[in-house]
Amino acid sequence: MTGTGTRGLTLIELVAALAIFSLVAIMGLQTLSGMMRARDRTTDAADDAATLSRGLVLLRADLKAAANLPFWPPEAVEPEPPLLDLTAEEGRFALSTEARAVLPGAQAAGTERVIWRHDRRGERLLRIAWPVLHPASKAARAPEMVIFEGVVGLRLRAYAVPEEGWVGGWGQDADLARLGLPRAVEVIVQSERYGALRVIVALP
């Protein structure tokens, strides 16, 4: 007597089913990997944008706080002018600032000497600050802070009088240095990723 039981899968059908399941799993894994890579790219872009924004805000704040006050480096015979542009030769500029917020208990007077320096070898933009304008020793200088990575150039231009227009090297020329601060300053940070980043500020 022959039974009428349920017929099972043949070996070929089982292999075909496993192949289909494997294909679906691979497609799902590829989709998941793509989504994770896209998420990582979005996160990296957001982090870069936040870093860029913070750096530009800090640069603008330094320029807006510029003060017509000389800076006396330790053991110097003569002071440096309020703004000294050495971007063409040494890749840096320095300016005196005032009316900065000071935390309670901090050893600072609300004035600073801020130096922005382009590390050409490391392609970084660094910021250094002296907490006072007449420091007793080099130990008073704060450590360098890395503000931007991937920087290939730094330039500063100053505007004082219409006859001169925008000029570089402010503070090196004795005649211009006597004017104190220019009317406006333009700083151009040449970024490898974002191109030329310009900050223009009218000085007090």
C-alpha atoms as a PDB file:
ATOM      1  CA  MET A   1       0.000   0.000   0.000  1.00  0.00           C
ATOM      2  CA  THR A   2       1.599   3.259  -1.091  1.00  0.00           C
ATOM      3  CA  GLY A   3       1.183   6.339   1.062  1.00  0.00           C
ATOM      4  CA  THR A   4       0.394   9.858  -0.095  1.00  0.00           C
ATOM      5  CA  GLY A   5       2.795  11.732   2.295  1.00  0.00           C
ATOM      6  CA  THR A   6       4.218  15.227   1.648  1.00  0.00           C
ATOM      7  CA  ARG A   7       7.027  15.253  -0.854  1.00  0.00           C
ATOM      8  CA  GLY A   8      10.309  16.755   0.497  1.00  0.00           C
ATOM      9  CA  LEU A   9      12.800  19.073  -1.206  1.00  0.00           C
ATOM     10  CA  THR A  10      15.202  17.618  -3.656  1.00  0.00           C
ATOM     11  CA  LEU A  11      18.911  18.364  -3.366  1.00  0.00           C
ATOM     12  CA  ILE A  12      18.792  20.750  -6.358  1.00  0.00           C
ATOM     13  CA  GLU A  13      15.888  22.704  -4.875  1.00  0.00           C
ATOM     14  CA  LEU A  14      17.702  22.969  -1.532  1.00  0.00           C
ATOM     15  CA  VAL A  15      20.876  24.243  -3.198  1.00  0.00           C
ATOM     16  CA  ALA A  16      18.856  26.791  -5.201  1.00  0.00           C
ATOM     17  CA  ALA A  17      17.100  28.031  -2.028  1.00  0.00           C
ATOM     18  CA  LEU A  18      20.414  28.399  -0.202  1.00  0.00           C
ATOM     19  CA  ALA A  19      21.869  30.313  -3.164  1.00  0.00           C
ATOM     20  CA  ILE A  20      18.904  32.731  -3.133  1.00  0.00           C
ATOM     21  CA  PHE A  21      19.216  33.265   0.624  1.00  0.00           C
ATOM     22  CA  SER A  22      22.955  33.880   0.281  1.00  0.00           C
ATOM     23  CA  LEU A  23      22.358  36.427  -2.508  1.00  0.00           C
ATOM     24  CA  VAL A  24      19.773  38.294  -0.427  1.00  0.00           C
ATOM     25  CA  ALA A  25      22.121  38.294   2.596  1.00  0.00           C
ATOM     26  CA  ILE A  26      25.011  39.669   0.514  1.00  0.00           C
ATOM     27  CA  MET A  27      22.805  42.415  -0.954  1.00  0.00           C
ATOM     28  CA  GLY A  28      21.605  43.333   2.535  1.00  0.00           C
ATOM     29  CA  LEU A  29      25.161  43.443   3.856  1.00  0.00           C
ATOM     30  CA  GLN A  30      26.295  45.663   0.982  1.00  0.00           C
ATOM     31  CA  THR A  31      23.376  48.022   1.579  1.00  0.00           C
ATOM     32  CA  LEU A  32      24.146  48.184   5.304  1.00  0.00           C
ATOM     33  CA  SER A  33      27.853  48.795   4.640  1.00  0.00           C
ATOM     34  CA  GLY A  34      26.994  51.588   2.202  1.00  0.00           C
ATOM     35  CA  MET A  35      24.697  53.229   4.736  1.00  0.00           C
ATOM     36  CA  MET A  36      27.380  53.027   7.425  1.00  0.00           C
ATOM     37  CA  ARG A  37      29.994  54.567   5.110  1.00  0.00           C
ATOM     38  CA  ALA A  38      27.561  57.363   4.200  1.00  0.00           C
ATOM     39  CA  ARG A  39      26.893  57.958   7.890  1.00  0.00           C
ATOM     40  CA  ASP A  40      30.631  58.129   8.630  1.00  0.00           C
ATOM     41  CA  ARG A  41      31.165  60.593   5.770  1.00  0.00           C
ATOM     42  CA  THR A  42      28.313  62.762   7.028  1.00  0.00           C
ATOM     43  CA  THR A  43      29.696  62.687  10.572  1.00  0.00           C
ATOM     44  CA  ASP A  44      33.198  63.588   9.369  1.00  0.00           C
ATOM     45  CA  ALA A  45      31.821  66.448   7.259  1.00  0.00           C
ATOM     46  CA  ALA A  46      29.838  67.755  10.230  1.00  0.00           C
ATOM     47  CA  ASP A  47      32.909  67.580  12.474  1.00  0.00           C
ATOM     48  CA  ASP A  48      35.021  69.392   9.858  1.00  0.00           C
ATOM     49  CA  ALA A  49      32.364  72.095   9.469  1.00  0.00           C
ATOM     50  CA  ALA A  50      32.178  72.575  13.246  1.00  0.00           C
ATOM     51  CA  THR A  51      35.978  72.844  13.512  1.00  0.00           C
ATOM     52  CA  LEU A  52      36.066  75.298  10.627  1.00  0.00           C
ATOM     53  CA  SER A  53      33.320  77.412  12.177  1.00  0.00           C
ATOM     54  CA  ARG A  54      35.011  77.523  15.594  1.00  0.00           C
ATOM     55  CA  GLY A  55      38.356  78.492  14.064  1.00  0.00           C
ATOM     56  CA  LEU A  56      36.926  81.307  11.956  1.00  0.00           C
ATOM     57  CA  VAL A  57      34.906  82.639  14.903  1.00  0.00           C
ATOM     58  CA  LEU A  58      38.067  82.687  17.038  1.00  0.00           C
ATOM     59  CA  LEU A  59      40.057  84.456  14.305  1.00  0.00           C
ATOM     60  CA  ARG A  60      37.317  87.064  13.850  1.00  0.00           C
ATOM     61  CA  ALA A  61      37.062  87.588  17.622  1.00  0.00           C
ATOM     62  CA  ASP A  62      40.824  88.189  17.854  1.00  0.00           C
ATOM     63  CA  LEU A  63      40.723  90.747  15.054  1.00  0.00           C
ATOM     64  CA  LYS A  64      37.688  92.558  16.487  1.00  0.00           C
ATOM     65  CA  ALA A  65      39.429  92.802  19.880  1.00  0.00           C
ATOM     66  CA  ALA A  66      42.544  94.418  18.358  1.00  0.00           C
ATOM     67  CA  ALA A  67      44.010  97.173  20.544  1.00  0.00           C
ATOM     68  CA  ASN A  68      46.383  99.996  19.715  1.00  0.00           C
ATOM     69  CA  LEU A  69      48.873  98.812  22.341  1.00  0.00           C
ATOM     70  CA  PRO A  70      52.518  97.811  21.832  1.00  0.00           C
ATOM     71  CA  PHE A  71      53.878  94.452  22.936  1.00  0.00           C
ATOM     72  CA  TRP A  72      57.138  94.059  24.821  1.00  0.00           C
ATOM     73  CA  PRO A  73      58.652  90.596  24.238  1.00  0.00           C
ATOM     74  CA  PRO A  74      60.797  89.316  27.115  1.00  0.00           C
ATOM     75  CA  GLU A  75      64.309  90.801  27.066  1.00  0.00           C
ATOM     76  CA  ALA A  76      63.439  93.023  24.073  1.00  0.00           C
ATOM     77  CA  VAL A  77      64.977  96.468  23.716  1.00  0.00           C
ATOM     78  CA  GLU A  78      62.065  97.911  21.752  1.00  0.00           C
ATOM     79  CA  PRO A  79      58.386  96.956  21.634  1.00  0.00           C
ATOM     80  CA  GLU A  80      56.587  95.388  18.706  1.00  0.00           C
ATOM     81  CA  PRO A  81      53.811  97.420  17.068  1.00  0.00           C
ATOM     82  CA  PRO A  82      50.158  96.628  17.886  1.00  0.00           C
ATOM     83  CA  LEU A  83      49.860  94.689  14.609  1.00  0.00           C
ATOM     84  CA  LEU A  84      52.865  92.992  13.045  1.00  0.00           C
ATOM     85  CA  ASP A  85      52.419  91.160   9.745  1.00  0.00           C
ATOM     86  CA  LEU A  86      55.159  88.672   8.897  1.00  0.00           C
ATOM     87  CA  THR A  87      53.014  86.306   6.836  1.00  0.00           C
ATOM     88  CA  ALA A  88      55.087  86.716   3.687  1.00  0.00           C
ATOM     89  CA  GLU A  89      58.426  85.868   5.335  1.00  0.00           C
ATOM     90  CA  GLU A  90      57.629  83.744   8.382  1.00  0.00           C
ATOM     91  CA  GLY A  91      53.990  82.766   7.861  1.00  0.00           C
ATOM     92  CA  ARG A  92      52.697  84.539  10.968  1.00  0.00           C
ATOM     93  CA  PHE A  93      51.118  87.703  12.254  1.00  0.00           C
ATOM     94  CA  ALA A  94      50.705  89.082  15.768  1.00  0.00           C
ATOM     95  CA  LEU A  95      48.303  91.576  17.299  1.00  0.00           C
ATOM     96  CA  SER A  96      47.550  93.039  20.699  1.00  0.00           C
ATOM     97  CA  THR A  97      43.999  92.589  21.994  1.00  0.00           C
ATOM     98  CA  GLU A  98      42.022  93.975  24.916  1.00  0.00           C
ATOM     99  CA  ALA A  99      38.632  93.683  26.605  1.00  0.00           C
ATOM    100  CA  ARG A 100      38.909  89.902  26.618  1.00  0.00           C
ATOM    101  CA  ALA A 101      36.840  87.916  29.084  1.00  0.00           C
ATOM    102  CA  VAL A 102      38.896  86.722  32.054  1.00  0.00           C
ATOM    103  CA  LEU A 103      37.831  83.829  34.267  1.00  0.00           C
ATOM    104  CA  PRO A 104      37.815  84.421  38.032  1.00  0.00           C
ATOM    105  CA  GLY A 105      41.203  83.641  39.527  1.00  0.00           C
ATOM    106  CA  ALA A 106      42.998  83.701  36.155  1.00  0.00           C
ATOM    107  CA  GLN A 107      46.365  85.441  36.062  1.00  0.00           C
ATOM    108  CA  ALA A 108      45.460  87.777  33.214  1.00  0.00           C
ATOM    109  CA  ALA A 109      44.600  91.422  32.721  1.00  0.00           C
ATOM    110  CA  GLY A 110      42.102  91.179  29.874  1.00  0.00           C
ATOM    111  CA  THR A 111      44.813  92.024  27.338  1.00  0.00           C
ATOM    112  CA  GLU A 112      46.645  89.502  25.194  1.00  0.00           C
ATOM    113  CA  ARG A 113      49.237  89.262  22.490  1.00  0.00           C
ATOM    114  CA  VAL A 114      47.889  86.781  19.967  1.00  0.00           C
ATOM    115  CA  ILE A 115      50.063  85.123  17.319  1.00  0.00           C
ATOM    116  CA  TRP A 116      48.621  83.180  14.381  1.00  0.00           C
ATOM    117  CA  ARG A 117      51.274  81.028  12.734  1.00  0.00           C
ATOM    118  CA  HIS A 118      51.246  78.839   9.647  1.00  0.00           C
ATOM    119  CA  ASP A 119      53.229  75.656  10.175  1.00  0.00           C
ATOM    120  CA  ARG A 120      54.210  75.163   6.553  1.00  0.00           C
ATOM    121  CA  ARG A 121      55.806  71.755   7.057  1.00  0.00           C
ATOM    122  CA  GLY A 122      52.861  70.328   8.996  1.00  0.00           C
ATOM    123  CA  GLU A 123      50.274  72.304   6.965  1.00  0.00           C
ATOM    124  CA  ARG A 124      48.596  73.525  10.142  1.00  0.00           C
ATOM    125  CA  LEU A 125      47.388  76.889  11.421  1.00  0.00           C
ATOM    126  CA  LEU A 126      48.451  77.489  15.019  1.00  0.00           C
ATOM    127  CA  ARG A 127      47.467  80.081  17.613  1.00  0.00           C
ATOM    128  CA  ILE A 128      49.694  81.210  20.460  1.00  0.00           C
ATOM    129  CA  ALA A 129      48.781  83.747  23.154  1.00  0.00           C
ATOM    130  CA  TRP A 130      50.674  85.792  25.703  1.00  0.00           C
ATOM    131  CA  PRO A 131      48.325  86.637  28.614  1.00  0.00           C
ATOM    132  CA  VAL A 132      49.903  90.069  29.147  1.00  0.00           C
ATOM    133  CA  LEU A 133      51.520  92.660  26.903  1.00  0.00           C
ATOM    134  CA  HIS A 134      54.714  92.988  28.952  1.00  0.00           C
ATOM    135  CA  PRO A 135      55.604  89.437  30.063  1.00  0.00           C
ATOM    136  CA  ALA A 136      58.513  88.923  32.407  1.00  0.00           C
ATOM    137  CA  SER A 137      59.704  85.699  30.758  1.00  0.00           C
ATOM    138  CA  LYS A 138      58.974  83.293  27.927  1.00  0.00           C
ATOM    139  CA  ALA A 139      57.385  80.913  30.437  1.00  0.00           C
ATOM    140  CA  ALA A 140      54.296  83.146  30.452  1.00  0.00           C
ATOM    141  CA  ARG A 141      53.436  82.202  26.882  1.00  0.00           C
ATOM    142  CA  ALA A 142      50.609  79.706  26.479  1.00  0.00           C
ATOM    143  CA  PRO A 143      51.196  76.523  24.455  1.00  0.00           C
ATOM    144  CA  GLU A 144      50.425  76.502  20.739  1.00  0.00           C
ATOM    145  CA  MET A 145      46.926  75.402  19.782  1.00  0.00           C
ATOM    146  CA  VAL A 146      46.183  73.704  16.457  1.00  0.00           C
ATOM    147  CA  ILE A 147      43.233  75.547  14.888  1.00  0.00           C
ATOM    148  CA  PHE A 148      43.141  74.155  11.321  1.00  0.00           C
ATOM    149  CA  GLU A 149      44.677  71.168   9.578  1.00  0.00           C
ATOM    150  CA  GLY A 150      45.405  71.065   5.849  1.00  0.00           C
ATOM    151  CA  VAL A 151      46.387  74.741   5.583  1.00  0.00           C
ATOM    152  CA  VAL A 152      48.711  75.598   2.692  1.00  0.00           C
ATOM    153  CA  GLY A 153      48.891  79.382   3.055  1.00  0.00           C
ATOM    154  CA  LEU A 154      48.296  82.380   5.331  1.00  0.00           C
ATOM    155  CA  ARG A 155      48.172  86.004   4.229  1.00  0.00           C
ATOM    156  CA  LEU A 156      47.232  89.294   5.854  1.00  0.00           C
ATOM    157  CA  ARG A 157      46.431  92.601   4.219  1.00  0.00           C
ATOM    158  CA  ALA A 158      45.741  95.892   5.980  1.00  0.00           C
ATOM    159  CA  TYR A 159      43.843  98.977   4.830  1.00  0.00           C
ATOM    160  CA  ALA A 160      44.766 102.330   6.336  1.00  0.00           C
ATOM    161  CA  VAL A 161      44.435 105.189   3.860  1.00  0.00           C
ATOM    162  CA  PRO A 162      42.935 105.309   0.362  1.00  0.00           C
ATOM    163  CA  GLU A 163      46.275 106.395  -1.097  1.00  0.00           C
ATOM    164  CA  GLU A 164      47.946 103.167   0.016  1.00  0.00           C
ATOM    165  CA  GLY A 165      45.000 100.781  -0.442  1.00  0.00           C
ATOM    166  CA  TRP A 166      45.407  97.217   0.828  1.00  0.00           C
ATOM    167  CA  VAL A 167      49.011  96.519   1.819  1.00  0.00           C
ATOM    168  CA  GLY A 168      50.984  93.622   3.254  1.00  0.00           C
ATOM    169  CA  GLY A 169      53.746  93.694   5.838  1.00  0.00           C
ATOM    170  CA  TRP A 170      51.932  96.000   8.267  1.00  0.00           C
ATOM    171  CA  GLY A 171      54.135  97.009  11.185  1.00  0.00           C
ATOM    172  CA  GLN A 172      57.407  96.523   9.321  1.00  0.00           C
ATOM    173  CA  ASP A 173      57.262  99.901   7.578  1.00  0.00           C
ATOM    174  CA  ALA A 174      58.049 102.609  10.128  1.00  0.00           C
ATOM    175  CA  ASP A 175      55.709 105.161   8.535  1.00  0.00           C
ATOM    176  CA  LEU A 176      52.721 102.800   8.584  1.00  0.00           C
ATOM    177  CA  ALA A 177      53.631 101.504  12.042  1.00  0.00           C
ATOM    178  CA  ARG A 178      53.278 105.039  13.408  1.00  0.00           C
ATOM    179  CA  LEU A 179      49.620 104.968  12.421  1.00  0.00           C
ATOM    180  CA  GLY A 180      49.001 102.249  15.011  1.00  0.00           C
ATOM    181  CA  LEU A 181      46.224 100.021  13.773  1.00  0.00           C
ATOM    182  CA  PRO A 182      44.888 100.095  10.217  1.00  0.00           C
ATOM    183  CA  ARG A 183      41.219 100.760   9.512  1.00  0.00           C
ATOM    184  CA  ALA A 184      40.550  97.212   8.414  1.00  0.00           C
ATOM    185  CA  VAL A 185      42.283  93.860   8.127  1.00  0.00           C
ATOM    186  CA  GLU A 186      41.775  90.967   5.741  1.00  0.00           C
ATOM    187  CA  VAL A 187      43.152  87.538   6.642  1.00  0.00           C
ATOM    188  CA  ILE A 188      43.181  84.808   3.995  1.00  0.00           C
ATOM    189  CA  VAL A 189      43.622  81.217   5.125  1.00  0.00           C
ATOM    190  CA  GLN A 190      44.316  78.966   2.140  1.00  0.00           C
ATOM    191  CA  SER A 191      42.776  75.592   2.930  1.00  0.00           C
ATOM    192  CA  GLU A 192      43.609  72.449   1.007  1.00  0.00           C
ATOM    193  CA  ARG A 193      39.987  71.298   1.234  1.00  0.00           C
ATOM    194  CA  TYR A 194      37.938  74.521   1.250  1.00  0.00           C
ATOM    195  CA  GLY A 195      40.084  76.894  -0.805  1.00  0.00           C
ATOM    196  CA  ALA A 196      40.555  80.515   0.256  1.00  0.00           C
ATOM    197  CA  LEU A 197      38.824  81.398   3.544  1.00  0.00           C
ATOM    198  CA  ARG A 198      38.609  85.189   3.962  1.00  0.00           C
ATOM    199  CA  VAL A 199      37.926  87.089   7.159  1.00  0.00           C
ATOM    200  CA  ILE A 200      37.571  90.869   6.833  1.00  0.00           C
ATOM    201  CA  VAL A 201      37.135  93.010   9.953  1.00  0.00           C
ATOM    202  CA  ALA A 202      36.950  96.769  10.462  1.00  0.00           C
ATOM    203  CA  LEU A 203      39.171  97.663  13.405  1.00  0.00           C
ATOM    204  CA  PRO A 204      38.233 100.142  16.157  1.00  0.00           C
END
